[in-house]
Amino acid sequence: PAMLQTYQGACHCGDTRFEVEADLDHVRACDCSLCTQRGALIHRVENARLRLFTPLDALSVYRWHTRIAADYFCPRCGILPLRRPRTAPHLWGVNVRCLEGVDLAAIPIRPVHGRQLA
């Protein structure tokens, strides 16, 4: 059974704020060109588990390749707290590095082979 916990999240400057309910049983580390440079550790959640305190249209969005995935980042500090993944655009990908009180060393990392997506 999932052990849901509520986490507060924000970008570096604090302009982008959100709250997420998640069972951080793993994070995803993708090897595509963008994720390799970005270094985000992502955990996916259903829409109902994410509450945005900053309007989505206040964020900048980056779409590339197939333009299905949407990467949302703070236009002020440049941090990416949220994304809509290409392989599951109905879910939110939350950058766990943006969550308060998370011990990243205690969370298993699941490799994702994004370079293999055509």
Protein backbone atom coordinates (compact mmCIF):
# COMPACT_ATOMS: atom_id res chain seq x y z
CA PRO A 1 0.00 0.00 0.00
CA ALA A 2 1.14 3.52 -0.81
CA MET A 3 2.41 5.67 2.05
CA LEU A 4 1.26 9.10 0.90
CA GLN A 5 2.91 12.08 2.50
CA THR A 6 2.35 15.78 1.81
CA TYR A 7 5.37 17.81 0.71
CA GLN A 8 5.79 21.54 0.16
CA GLY A 9 7.62 22.42 -3.03
CA ALA A 10 9.15 25.54 -4.55
CA CYS A 11 11.67 26.76 -7.06
CA HIS A 12 14.90 28.38 -5.83
CA CYS A 13 13.58 31.96 -5.61
CA GLY A 14 10.18 30.91 -4.20
CA ASP A 15 8.05 32.44 -6.96
CA THR A 16 6.79 28.96 -7.92
CA ARG A 17 5.12 27.14 -5.05
CA PHE A 18 3.13 23.93 -4.87
CA GLU A 19 2.14 21.05 -2.62
CA VAL A 20 2.19 17.39 -3.58
CA GLU A 21 0.97 14.16 -2.01
CA ALA A 22 3.33 11.35 -2.91
CA ASP A 23 4.77 8.03 -1.86
CA LEU A 24 8.43 8.69 -2.63
CA ASP A 25 9.31 5.04 -3.08
CA HIS A 26 11.55 5.97 -6.04
CA VAL A 27 12.69 8.84 -8.24
CA ARG A 28 13.32 8.71 -11.97
CA ALA A 29 16.65 9.75 -13.49
CA CYS A 30 16.33 10.02 -17.26
CA ASP A 31 19.32 9.79 -19.61
CA CYS A 32 17.94 11.95 -22.45
CA SER A 33 19.99 14.98 -23.48
CA LEU A 34 17.78 17.47 -21.61
CA CYS A 35 17.46 15.53 -18.34
CA THR A 36 21.17 14.70 -18.30
CA GLN A 37 22.01 18.40 -18.34
CA ARG A 38 19.20 19.39 -15.98
CA GLY A 39 19.88 16.77 -13.29
CA ALA A 40 16.29 16.64 -12.03
CA LEU A 41 15.03 13.64 -10.08
CA ILE A 42 11.40 13.11 -11.02
CA HIS A 43 8.50 11.39 -9.27
CA ARG A 44 5.18 11.11 -11.12
CA VAL A 45 1.81 11.85 -9.52
CA GLU A 46 -1.82 12.03 -10.59
CA ASN A 47 -3.39 15.46 -11.15
CA ALA A 48 -5.39 15.23 -7.92
CA ARG A 49 -2.16 14.85 -5.89
CA LEU A 50 -0.71 18.21 -6.99
CA ARG A 51 -1.89 21.61 -5.79
CA LEU A 52 -0.37 24.63 -7.53
CA PHE A 53 -0.15 27.83 -5.50
CA THR A 54 1.39 29.66 -8.47
CA PRO A 55 -0.72 29.86 -11.64
CA LEU A 56 0.63 27.60 -14.37
CA ASP A 57 0.59 30.49 -16.85
CA ALA A 58 3.07 32.34 -14.61
CA LEU A 59 5.68 29.69 -15.47
CA SER A 60 7.70 29.38 -18.64
CA VAL A 61 7.25 26.22 -20.69
CA TYR A 62 9.75 24.38 -22.85
CA ARG A 63 8.70 21.79 -25.45
CA TRP A 64 11.14 20.00 -27.72
CA HIS A 65 11.45 16.98 -30.04
CA THR A 66 7.86 15.65 -30.35
CA ARG A 67 6.52 18.68 -28.40
CA ILE A 68 4.32 16.39 -26.26
CA ALA A 69 6.28 16.75 -23.02
CA ALA A 70 6.00 20.13 -21.32
CA ASP A 71 8.72 21.31 -18.96
CA TYR A 72 7.56 24.08 -16.61
CA PHE A 73 10.19 26.29 -15.04
CA CYS A 74 10.39 29.52 -13.10
CA PRO A 75 11.06 32.48 -15.41
CA ARG A 76 12.94 34.25 -12.61
CA CYS A 77 15.39 31.62 -11.25
CA GLY A 78 15.22 29.04 -14.05
CA ILE A 79 14.51 26.01 -11.85
CA LEU A 80 12.24 23.27 -13.23
CA PRO A 81 9.88 22.04 -10.50
CA LEU A 82 7.24 20.38 -12.71
CA ARG A 83 6.78 18.67 -16.04
CA ARG A 84 4.22 16.77 -18.10
CA PRO A 85 6.07 13.67 -19.35
CA ARG A 86 5.90 12.60 -22.98
CA THR A 87 5.18 8.97 -22.11
CA ALA A 88 2.47 9.89 -19.56
CA PRO A 89 1.17 13.41 -20.33
CA HIS A 90 -1.82 12.84 -18.02
CA LEU A 91 0.56 12.79 -15.02
CA TRP A 92 2.72 15.43 -13.37
CA GLY A 93 6.43 14.85 -13.02
CA VAL A 94 7.60 16.57 -9.85
CA ASN A 95 11.27 17.45 -9.41
CA VAL A 96 11.90 15.92 -5.97
CA ARG A 97 14.91 18.21 -5.55
CA CYS A 98 12.35 21.05 -5.15
CA LEU A 99 10.57 19.43 -2.19
CA GLU A 100 11.24 20.40 1.42
CA GLY A 101 12.41 17.82 3.93
CA VAL A 102 13.30 15.02 1.50
CA ASP A 103 16.32 12.82 2.14
CA LEU A 104 17.35 12.06 -1.44
CA ALA A 105 19.98 9.55 -0.32
CA ALA A 106 17.20 7.37 1.12
CA ILE A 107 15.17 7.17 -2.11
CA PRO A 108 15.99 4.54 -4.74
CA ILE A 109 16.81 5.96 -8.18
CA ARG A 110 15.12 4.26 -11.13
CA PRO A 111 16.98 4.79 -14.41
CA VAL A 112 14.83 5.86 -17.37
CA HIS A 113 16.21 5.40 -20.87
CA GLY A 114 14.85 8.50 -22.60
CA ARG A 115 17.64 8.43 -25.18
CA GLN A 116 16.00 5.33 -26.65
CA LEU A 117 12.70 7.11 -27.40
CA ALA A 118 12.41 7.89 -31.09
